[in-house]
Amino acid sequence: MKIKFILITIMFLLFSCNAQDKDNIKKQDGLNNKKNIKMGIAKFDIETFEKNKIDGEYYFTLPDGTKVQQLSSKVDYGEIITPPKPNFFITSKQYYKTGILQSVIVSFPKSFLVLKRSYNNKGEFIEEIDYNEPFKFSFKQLVELLKKEKDTIDLYDVSTTIGRGSDEKGTDWYVTYKKIWGRREVIKIDGITGKILERSSYVHLDN
């Protein structure tokens, strides 16, 4: 179960976070840019989870349509929060076995990381990694750019992925989407200026 949770955490990460740590507030880039996200001490509801879990997992939906998946292992608890549209990002939280928050990760599903915060076993803040920093051309701007494309690019489609990277070779976005059966289109976009640098495609076997 531990391995299963780690794999799910890597695949699925986050957007919305509970109100926490008043001294540690960061602005998070998303569809609604400049939205404040607060982080801090959070407790996993162990009693409710243990009462409702089936094979170590508990699924439920909040009144606003947000889907929550909770998991457990011998050493920790996990939580994956998937908000309804128009939100793009999902949130993964890992808790110590005591229920104290251990880490929070925000990401675009199966694609790029946005933010990660870590806490010690007392719930005290350790560090934060903001993966948005190198990208002057933000995700919000990227969404607006893609809306102007001739092709309809559904960012909620499971076949659509968004990758990004920043190193000595450059800072770029990579959008991959399905236009026709058996092929994927790829658009490379400068992560600083927003200029479209390259268009390509590759063969992809669809089920």
Protein backbone atom coordinates (compact mmCIF):
# COMPACT_ATOMS: atom_id res chain seq x y z
CA MET A 1 0.00 0.00 0.00
CA LYS A 2 2.94 2.31 0.72
CA ILE A 3 4.25 1.83 -2.83
CA LYS A 4 0.75 2.33 -4.20
CA PHE A 5 0.39 5.65 -2.40
CA ILE A 6 3.77 6.91 -3.55
CA LEU A 7 2.92 6.10 -7.17
CA ILE A 8 -0.46 7.84 -6.92
CA THR A 9 1.17 10.86 -5.31
CA ILE A 10 3.65 11.17 -8.17
CA MET A 11 0.91 10.82 -10.78
CA PHE A 12 -1.59 13.09 -9.17
CA LEU A 13 -0.81 16.32 -7.41
CA LEU A 14 -2.68 19.57 -6.36
CA PHE A 15 -4.50 22.93 -6.60
CA SER A 16 -6.59 23.94 -3.55
CA CYS A 17 -5.27 23.80 0.03
CA ASN A 18 -6.89 24.15 3.45
CA ALA A 19 -6.56 27.43 5.38
CA GLN A 20 -3.33 27.12 7.36
CA ASP A 21 -0.05 28.82 8.53
CA LYS A 22 -0.82 32.56 8.49
CA ASP A 23 2.89 33.41 8.36
CA ASN A 24 3.48 31.41 5.20
CA ILE A 25 1.19 32.61 2.38
CA LYS A 26 2.14 32.26 -1.29
CA LYS A 27 0.41 33.36 -4.49
CA GLN A 28 -0.47 30.39 -6.69
CA ASP A 29 -0.71 30.55 -10.47
CA GLY A 30 -3.69 28.82 -12.03
CA LEU A 31 -6.75 29.63 -14.15
CA ASN A 32 -7.53 32.31 -11.58
CA ASN A 33 -4.08 33.90 -11.32
CA LYS A 34 -2.85 35.63 -8.14
CA LYS A 35 -5.03 33.43 -5.92
CA ASN A 36 -3.71 33.19 -2.35
CA ILE A 37 -3.15 29.75 -0.88
CA LYS A 38 -2.51 29.33 2.82
CA MET A 39 -0.63 26.39 4.23
CA GLY A 40 0.13 25.21 7.74
CA ILE A 41 -0.96 22.82 10.46
CA ALA A 42 -3.57 20.33 9.25
CA LYS A 43 -4.85 17.14 10.80
CA PHE A 44 -5.98 14.02 9.01
CA ASP A 45 -9.36 12.80 10.27
CA ILE A 46 -8.17 9.36 11.29
CA GLU A 47 -11.37 8.35 13.08
CA THR A 48 -13.63 9.04 10.09
CA PHE A 49 -11.19 7.38 7.71
CA GLU A 50 -10.89 4.21 9.77
CA LYS A 51 -14.65 3.99 10.05
CA ASN A 52 -15.26 4.27 6.29
CA LYS A 53 -12.19 2.78 4.61
CA ILE A 54 -12.41 -0.24 2.29
CA ASP A 55 -9.13 -2.03 1.55
CA GLY A 56 -7.22 0.93 2.95
CA GLU A 57 -9.00 3.58 0.86
CA TYR A 58 -11.91 5.96 1.38
CA TYR A 59 -13.61 7.95 -1.41
CA PHE A 60 -16.12 10.77 -0.96
CA THR A 61 -17.39 13.90 -2.71
CA LEU A 62 -17.80 17.31 -1.10
CA PRO A 63 -20.94 19.45 -1.67
CA ASP A 64 -19.15 21.59 -4.28
CA GLY A 65 -18.26 18.52 -6.36
CA THR A 66 -14.67 18.18 -5.13
CA LYS A 67 -13.61 14.52 -5.12
CA VAL A 68 -11.42 13.24 -2.30
CA GLN A 69 -9.47 10.00 -2.17
CA GLN A 70 -7.86 9.03 1.13
CA LEU A 71 -5.36 6.18 1.60
CA SER A 72 -3.35 4.60 4.37
CA SER A 73 -0.21 2.54 4.82
CA LYS A 74 1.70 1.24 7.82
CA VAL A 75 3.61 4.51 8.15
CA ASP A 76 1.40 7.32 6.84
CA TYR A 77 -1.89 8.58 5.43
CA GLY A 78 -2.53 10.25 2.07
CA GLU A 79 -5.16 12.42 0.49
CA ILE A 80 -5.78 13.37 -3.15
CA ILE A 81 -8.14 16.30 -3.74
CA THR A 82 -9.60 16.84 -7.21
CA PRO A 83 -11.74 19.99 -7.53
CA PRO A 84 -14.46 20.32 -10.20
CA LYS A 85 -14.05 22.31 -13.41
CA PRO A 86 -12.96 24.99 -14.21
CA ASN A 87 -10.08 24.14 -11.84
CA PHE A 88 -7.13 22.45 -13.53
CA PHE A 89 -4.90 21.52 -10.61
CA ILE A 90 -5.21 18.80 -8.00
CA THR A 91 -3.78 18.57 -4.48
CA SER A 92 -1.99 15.67 -2.84
CA LYS A 93 -1.32 15.65 0.89
CA GLN A 94 0.73 13.23 2.92
CA TYR A 95 0.31 12.91 6.69
CA TYR A 96 2.38 11.33 9.42
CA LYS A 97 0.72 8.39 11.17
CA THR A 98 -0.20 10.82 13.95
CA GLY A 99 -2.37 12.72 11.48
CA ILE A 100 -0.04 15.74 11.28
CA LEU A 101 0.52 17.16 7.80
CA GLN A 102 3.84 16.04 6.25
CA SER A 103 3.75 17.46 2.72
CA VAL A 104 1.51 19.15 0.16
CA ILE A 105 2.01 18.98 -3.60
CA VAL A 106 0.12 20.94 -6.29
CA SER A 107 0.21 19.81 -9.91
CA PHE A 108 -1.44 19.58 -13.28
CA PRO A 109 -2.66 15.94 -13.41
CA LYS A 110 -0.04 13.52 -14.78
CA SER A 111 2.05 16.46 -15.94
CA PHE A 112 3.95 19.27 -14.23
CA LEU A 113 4.44 20.19 -10.58
CA VAL A 114 3.39 23.61 -9.35
CA LEU A 115 4.27 23.76 -5.67
CA LYS A 116 5.54 21.58 -2.83
CA ARG A 117 5.63 22.30 0.90
CA SER A 118 7.13 20.06 3.58
CA TYR A 119 6.58 19.94 7.37
CA ASN A 120 8.24 18.08 10.24
CA ASN A 121 6.43 15.67 12.57
CA LYS A 122 5.36 18.59 14.75
CA GLY A 123 3.68 20.30 11.82
CA GLU A 124 6.35 22.99 11.61
CA PHE A 125 7.19 24.34 8.15
CA ILE A 126 10.47 23.04 6.68
CA GLU A 127 10.71 24.22 3.08
CA GLU A 128 8.83 25.24 -0.03
CA ILE A 129 9.62 24.68 -3.69
CA ASP A 130 7.83 26.96 -6.15
CA TYR A 131 8.14 25.35 -9.57
CA ASN A 132 6.51 28.37 -11.24
CA GLU A 133 9.46 30.66 -10.61
CA PRO A 134 11.36 30.24 -13.91
CA PHE A 135 8.22 30.66 -16.01
CA LYS A 136 7.52 34.32 -16.72
CA PHE A 137 4.91 33.16 -19.24
CA SER A 138 2.40 31.77 -16.75
CA PHE A 139 -0.03 28.87 -16.96
CA LYS A 140 -2.91 31.34 -17.18
CA GLN A 141 -1.28 32.98 -20.19
CA LEU A 142 -0.66 29.56 -21.71
CA VAL A 143 -4.37 28.70 -21.43
CA GLU A 144 -5.29 31.93 -23.18
CA LEU A 145 -2.75 31.24 -25.95
CA LEU A 146 -4.13 27.76 -26.56
CA LYS A 147 -7.66 29.13 -26.88
CA LYS A 148 -6.48 30.99 -29.99
CA GLU A 149 -5.22 27.81 -31.68
CA LYS A 150 -7.02 26.59 -34.79
CA ASP A 151 -7.29 23.14 -33.25
CA THR A 152 -9.56 22.67 -30.26
CA ILE A 153 -7.30 21.64 -27.37
CA ASP A 154 -9.23 20.16 -24.47
CA LEU A 155 -7.03 20.56 -21.39
CA TYR A 156 -9.33 18.27 -19.41
CA ASP A 157 -8.97 15.39 -21.87
CA VAL A 158 -6.91 12.47 -20.56
CA SER A 159 -4.90 12.44 -23.80
CA THR A 160 -3.77 16.04 -23.27
CA THR A 161 -0.58 16.60 -21.28
CA ILE A 162 1.38 19.70 -20.42
CA GLY A 163 5.05 19.42 -19.63
CA ARG A 164 7.62 22.06 -18.88
CA GLY A 165 11.33 22.33 -18.22
CA SER A 166 13.92 24.93 -17.36
CA ASP A 167 17.70 24.49 -17.73
CA GLU A 168 20.68 25.99 -19.53
CA LYS A 169 19.04 25.12 -22.85
CA GLY A 170 15.92 27.16 -22.16
CA THR A 171 12.64 27.51 -20.28
CA ASP A 172 9.79 25.96 -22.23
CA TRP A 173 6.24 24.62 -22.12
CA TYR A 174 5.28 21.47 -24.08
CA VAL A 175 1.61 20.88 -24.89
CA THR A 176 0.67 17.46 -26.29
CA TYR A 177 -2.85 16.75 -27.53
CA LYS A 178 -4.87 14.42 -29.74
CA LYS A 179 -6.11 15.78 -33.07
CA ILE A 180 -6.65 12.57 -35.04
CA TRP A 181 -6.53 8.87 -34.17
CA GLY A 182 -3.06 7.38 -33.92
CA ARG A 183 -1.17 10.64 -33.58
CA ARG A 184 -0.29 13.29 -31.03
CA GLU A 185 0.41 16.94 -31.81
CA VAL A 186 3.08 18.80 -29.81
CA ILE A 187 3.50 22.55 -29.39
CA LYS A 188 6.69 23.92 -27.84
CA ILE A 189 6.28 27.36 -26.27
CA ASP A 190 8.90 29.69 -24.82
CA GLY A 191 8.32 29.86 -21.05
CA ILE A 192 9.62 33.43 -20.88
CA THR A 193 8.13 35.17 -23.92
CA GLY A 194 5.19 32.90 -24.80
CA LYS A 195 6.40 32.58 -28.40
CA ILE A 196 5.54 29.33 -30.18
CA LEU A 197 8.91 27.80 -30.98
CA GLU A 198 8.02 24.53 -32.68
CA ARG A 199 5.16 22.33 -33.85
CA SER A 200 5.60 18.59 -34.28
CA SER A 201 3.77 15.27 -34.03
CA TYR A 202 4.45 11.60 -33.33
CA VAL A 203 2.71 8.27 -33.81
CA HIS A 204 0.64 7.14 -30.83
CA LEU A 205 -1.29 3.88 -30.60
CA ASP A 206 -4.80 4.61 -29.33
CA ASN A 207 -6.85 1.88 -27.69
